[in-house]
Amino acid sequence: MITWLNHIAIAVPDLDAAATQYRSLGAEVSVPQNLPEHGVTVVFVTLPNTKIELLYPLGANSPISMFLQRNPAGGVHHVCFEVNDIGEVPARLSDIGARVLGDGSAKIGAHGKPVLFAHPKDFQGVLVEFEQT
């Protein structure tokens, strides 16, 4: 089911500073993209073997705001794996005793592709995102 590591997401308290830091190390850094349906602004740092997604809160009810309240310096928020068929993810997760967050239906993520998230309590404390390739 899992085919590739797509990205590692890091919540940041200062998006411009974080983007500048990665850019100064020679990484390709995208322009910020607002995703109101997810309550975040994202910047992607593209590396030869994966991406880093910098997450910044968009709006007072952003899940990233709550994350940053608990972790003021920021930190790893989730990992994202690519899958060939997002439709098979809920059943496969259920088979291994893992829960899908939300209502179980995929939403469109930052790359314009369907995504689902699995509960961190079911993945060694890590929030896991699955993205259709």
C-alpha atoms as a PDB file:
ATOM      1  CA  MET A   1       0.000   0.000   0.000  1.00  0.00           C
ATOM      2  CA  ILE A   2       2.702   2.560   0.962  1.00  0.00           C
ATOM      3  CA  THR A   3       4.883   3.369  -2.030  1.00  0.00           C
ATOM      4  CA  TRP A   4       7.024   6.388  -1.091  1.00  0.00           C
ATOM      5  CA  LEU A   5       7.694   9.007   1.573  1.00  0.00           C
ATOM      6  CA  ASN A   6       6.136  12.161   0.149  1.00  0.00           C
ATOM      7  CA  HIS A   7       7.035  14.665   2.863  1.00  0.00           C
ATOM      8  CA  ILE A   8       7.680  15.416   6.501  1.00  0.00           C
ATOM      9  CA  ALA A   9       5.594  18.288   7.861  1.00  0.00           C
ATOM     10  CA  ILE A  10       6.992  20.705  10.424  1.00  0.00           C
ATOM     11  CA  ALA A  11       4.828  23.239  12.269  1.00  0.00           C
ATOM     12  CA  VAL A  12       6.654  26.566  12.515  1.00  0.00           C
ATOM     13  CA  PRO A  13       5.972  29.717  14.567  1.00  0.00           C
ATOM     14  CA  ASP A  14       7.537  31.984  11.885  1.00  0.00           C
ATOM     15  CA  LEU A  15       7.004  30.834   8.305  1.00  0.00           C
ATOM     16  CA  ASP A  16       9.239  33.475   6.693  1.00  0.00           C
ATOM     17  CA  ALA A  17      12.142  32.723   9.036  1.00  0.00           C
ATOM     18  CA  ALA A  18      11.824  28.974   8.480  1.00  0.00           C
ATOM     19  CA  ALA A  19      11.641  29.346   4.686  1.00  0.00           C
ATOM     20  CA  THR A  20      14.654  31.673   4.718  1.00  0.00           C
ATOM     21  CA  GLN A  21      16.642  29.198   6.812  1.00  0.00           C
ATOM     22  CA  TYR A  22      16.099  26.339   4.339  1.00  0.00           C
ATOM     23  CA  ARG A  23      16.663  28.636   1.345  1.00  0.00           C
ATOM     24  CA  SER A  24      19.977  29.792   2.851  1.00  0.00           C
ATOM     25  CA  LEU A  25      21.070  26.147   2.970  1.00  0.00           C
ATOM     26  CA  GLY A  26      20.535  25.863  -0.787  1.00  0.00           C
ATOM     27  CA  ALA A  27      17.128  24.186  -0.828  1.00  0.00           C
ATOM     28  CA  GLU A  28      14.408  25.006  -3.336  1.00  0.00           C
ATOM     29  CA  VAL A  29      11.611  26.715  -1.381  1.00  0.00           C
ATOM     30  CA  SER A  30       8.118  27.348  -2.760  1.00  0.00           C
ATOM     31  CA  VAL A  31       6.001  30.429  -2.282  1.00  0.00           C
ATOM     32  CA  PRO A  32       3.474  30.252   0.581  1.00  0.00           C
ATOM     33  CA  GLN A  33       0.130  28.666  -0.278  1.00  0.00           C
ATOM     34  CA  ASN A  34      -2.982  29.263   1.842  1.00  0.00           C
ATOM     35  CA  LEU A  35      -5.192  26.220   2.365  1.00  0.00           C
ATOM     36  CA  PRO A  36      -8.262  27.608   4.157  1.00  0.00           C
ATOM     37  CA  GLU A  37     -10.039  24.234   4.165  1.00  0.00           C
ATOM     38  CA  HIS A  38      -7.171  22.851   6.277  1.00  0.00           C
ATOM     39  CA  GLY A  39      -6.520  26.015   8.293  1.00  0.00           C
ATOM     40  CA  VAL A  40      -2.879  26.276   7.235  1.00  0.00           C
ATOM     41  CA  THR A  41      -0.421  28.140   5.102  1.00  0.00           C
ATOM     42  CA  VAL A  42       2.187  25.817   3.612  1.00  0.00           C
ATOM     43  CA  VAL A  43       5.611  26.205   2.075  1.00  0.00           C
ATOM     44  CA  PHE A  44       7.334  23.228   0.476  1.00  0.00           C
ATOM     45  CA  VAL A  45      11.073  22.690   0.693  1.00  0.00           C
ATOM     46  CA  THR A  46      11.988  20.383  -2.187  1.00  0.00           C
ATOM     47  CA  LEU A  47      14.955  18.078  -1.795  1.00  0.00           C
ATOM     48  CA  PRO A  48      16.229  15.438  -4.232  1.00  0.00           C
ATOM     49  CA  ASN A  49      14.758  12.560  -2.207  1.00  0.00           C
ATOM     50  CA  THR A  50      11.676  14.090  -0.501  1.00  0.00           C
ATOM     51  CA  LYS A  51       9.996  17.316   0.584  1.00  0.00           C
ATOM     52  CA  ILE A  52       9.588  19.161   3.843  1.00  0.00           C
ATOM     53  CA  GLU A  53       6.248  20.878   4.348  1.00  0.00           C
ATOM     54  CA  LEU A  54       6.424  23.949   6.592  1.00  0.00           C
ATOM     55  CA  LEU A  55       3.042  24.521   8.263  1.00  0.00           C
ATOM     56  CA  TYR A  56       1.856  27.822   9.670  1.00  0.00           C
ATOM     57  CA  PRO A  57      -1.581  28.556  11.174  1.00  0.00           C
ATOM     58  CA  LEU A  58      -4.193  30.178   8.964  1.00  0.00           C
ATOM     59  CA  GLY A  59      -6.955  31.507  11.192  1.00  0.00           C
ATOM     60  CA  ALA A  60      -7.641  31.229  14.909  1.00  0.00           C
ATOM     61  CA  ASN A  61      -9.117  27.723  14.666  1.00  0.00           C
ATOM     62  CA  SER A  62      -6.159  26.231  12.844  1.00  0.00           C
ATOM     63  CA  PRO A  63      -5.010  22.855  14.174  1.00  0.00           C
ATOM     64  CA  ILE A  64      -1.478  24.214  13.820  1.00  0.00           C
ATOM     65  CA  SER A  65      -2.296  27.019  16.298  1.00  0.00           C
ATOM     66  CA  MET A  66      -3.151  24.375  18.874  1.00  0.00           C
ATOM     67  CA  PHE A  67       0.009  22.418  18.041  1.00  0.00           C
ATOM     68  CA  LEU A  68       2.147  25.558  18.461  1.00  0.00           C
ATOM     69  CA  GLN A  69       0.490  26.347  21.808  1.00  0.00           C
ATOM     70  CA  ARG A  70       1.773  22.994  23.051  1.00  0.00           C
ATOM     71  CA  ASN A  71       5.086  23.320  21.157  1.00  0.00           C
ATOM     72  CA  PRO A  72       5.966  27.046  20.922  1.00  0.00           C
ATOM     73  CA  ALA A  73       9.234  26.423  19.056  1.00  0.00           C
ATOM     74  CA  GLY A  74       7.452  24.240  16.487  1.00  0.00           C
ATOM     75  CA  GLY A  75       8.217  20.641  15.644  1.00  0.00           C
ATOM     76  CA  VAL A  76       7.451  17.633  13.484  1.00  0.00           C
ATOM     77  CA  HIS A  77       3.699  17.551  12.872  1.00  0.00           C
ATOM     78  CA  HIS A  78       3.215  14.543  10.542  1.00  0.00           C
ATOM     79  CA  VAL A  79       4.730  12.287   7.918  1.00  0.00           C
ATOM     80  CA  CYS A  80       3.070  11.696   4.549  1.00  0.00           C
ATOM     81  CA  PHE A  81       3.237   8.479   2.563  1.00  0.00           C
ATOM     82  CA  GLU A  82       2.108   8.032  -1.016  1.00  0.00           C
ATOM     83  CA  VAL A  83      -0.389   5.289  -1.873  1.00  0.00           C
ATOM     84  CA  ASN A  84      -1.673   4.079  -5.236  1.00  0.00           C
ATOM     85  CA  ASP A  85      -5.324   3.903  -4.169  1.00  0.00           C
ATOM     86  CA  ILE A  86      -6.602   6.220  -1.426  1.00  0.00           C
ATOM     87  CA  GLY A  87      -9.900   4.323  -1.509  1.00  0.00           C
ATOM     88  CA  GLU A  88      -8.301   1.224  -0.015  1.00  0.00           C
ATOM     89  CA  VAL A  89      -6.681   3.072   2.905  1.00  0.00           C
ATOM     90  CA  PRO A  90      -9.624   3.025   5.372  1.00  0.00           C
ATOM     91  CA  ALA A  91     -10.132  -0.742   5.067  1.00  0.00           C
ATOM     92  CA  ARG A  92      -6.408  -1.485   5.259  1.00  0.00           C
ATOM     93  CA  LEU A  93      -6.051   0.705   8.353  1.00  0.00           C
ATOM     94  CA  SER A  94      -9.066  -0.957   9.935  1.00  0.00           C
ATOM     95  CA  ASP A  95      -7.504  -4.373   9.238  1.00  0.00           C
ATOM     96  CA  ILE A  96      -4.492  -3.413  11.361  1.00  0.00           C
ATOM     97  CA  GLY A  97      -6.551  -1.751  14.095  1.00  0.00           C
ATOM     98  CA  ALA A  98      -5.801   1.842  13.069  1.00  0.00           C
ATOM     99  CA  ARG A  99      -8.349   4.657  12.809  1.00  0.00           C
ATOM    100  CA  VAL A 100      -8.853   7.209  10.061  1.00  0.00           C
ATOM    101  CA  LEU A 101      -9.383  10.739  11.342  1.00  0.00           C
ATOM    102  CA  GLY A 102     -12.517  12.635  10.386  1.00  0.00           C
ATOM    103  CA  ASP A 103     -15.416  11.010   8.614  1.00  0.00           C
ATOM    104  CA  GLY A 104     -13.232   8.573   6.671  1.00  0.00           C
ATOM    105  CA  SER A 105     -13.577  10.321   3.340  1.00  0.00           C
ATOM    106  CA  ALA A 106     -10.576  11.774   1.550  1.00  0.00           C
ATOM    107  CA  LYS A 107     -10.055  15.530   1.283  1.00  0.00           C
ATOM    108  CA  ILE A 108      -7.938  17.383  -1.240  1.00  0.00           C
ATOM    109  CA  GLY A 109      -4.491  18.167   0.182  1.00  0.00           C
ATOM    110  CA  ALA A 110      -1.804  20.725  -0.589  1.00  0.00           C
ATOM    111  CA  HIS A 111      -0.721  18.926  -3.760  1.00  0.00           C
ATOM    112  CA  GLY A 112      -4.266  18.867  -5.130  1.00  0.00           C
ATOM    113  CA  LYS A 113      -4.555  15.124  -4.490  1.00  0.00           C
ATOM    114  CA  PRO A 114      -6.842  13.163  -2.142  1.00  0.00           C
ATOM    115  CA  VAL A 115      -5.486  12.621   1.378  1.00  0.00           C
ATOM    116  CA  LEU A 116      -6.484  10.837   4.579  1.00  0.00           C
ATOM    117  CA  PHE A 117      -4.947  10.986   8.046  1.00  0.00           C
ATOM    118  CA  ALA A 118      -4.531   8.152  10.528  1.00  0.00           C
ATOM    119  CA  HIS A 119      -4.791   8.681  14.276  1.00  0.00           C
ATOM    120  CA  PRO A 120      -1.368   9.189  15.903  1.00  0.00           C
ATOM    121  CA  LYS A 121      -2.266   6.888  18.796  1.00  0.00           C
ATOM    122  CA  ASP A 122      -2.391   4.070  16.251  1.00  0.00           C
ATOM    123  CA  PHE A 123       1.044   4.905  14.706  1.00  0.00           C
ATOM    124  CA  GLN A 124       3.497   5.132  17.579  1.00  0.00           C
ATOM    125  CA  GLY A 125       2.428   8.685  18.401  1.00  0.00           C
ATOM    126  CA  VAL A 126       2.939  10.020  14.866  1.00  0.00           C
ATOM    127  CA  LEU A 127       0.188  11.624  12.789  1.00  0.00           C
ATOM    128  CA  VAL A 128       0.335   9.868   9.423  1.00  0.00           C
ATOM    129  CA  GLU A 129      -1.025  11.268   6.168  1.00  0.00           C
ATOM    130  CA  PHE A 130      -1.696   9.114   3.116  1.00  0.00           C
ATOM    131  CA  GLU A 131      -1.748  10.807  -0.278  1.00  0.00           C
ATOM    132  CA  GLN A 132      -2.964   9.338  -3.565  1.00  0.00           C
ATOM    133  CA  THR A 133      -0.215   9.271  -6.209  1.00  0.00           C
END
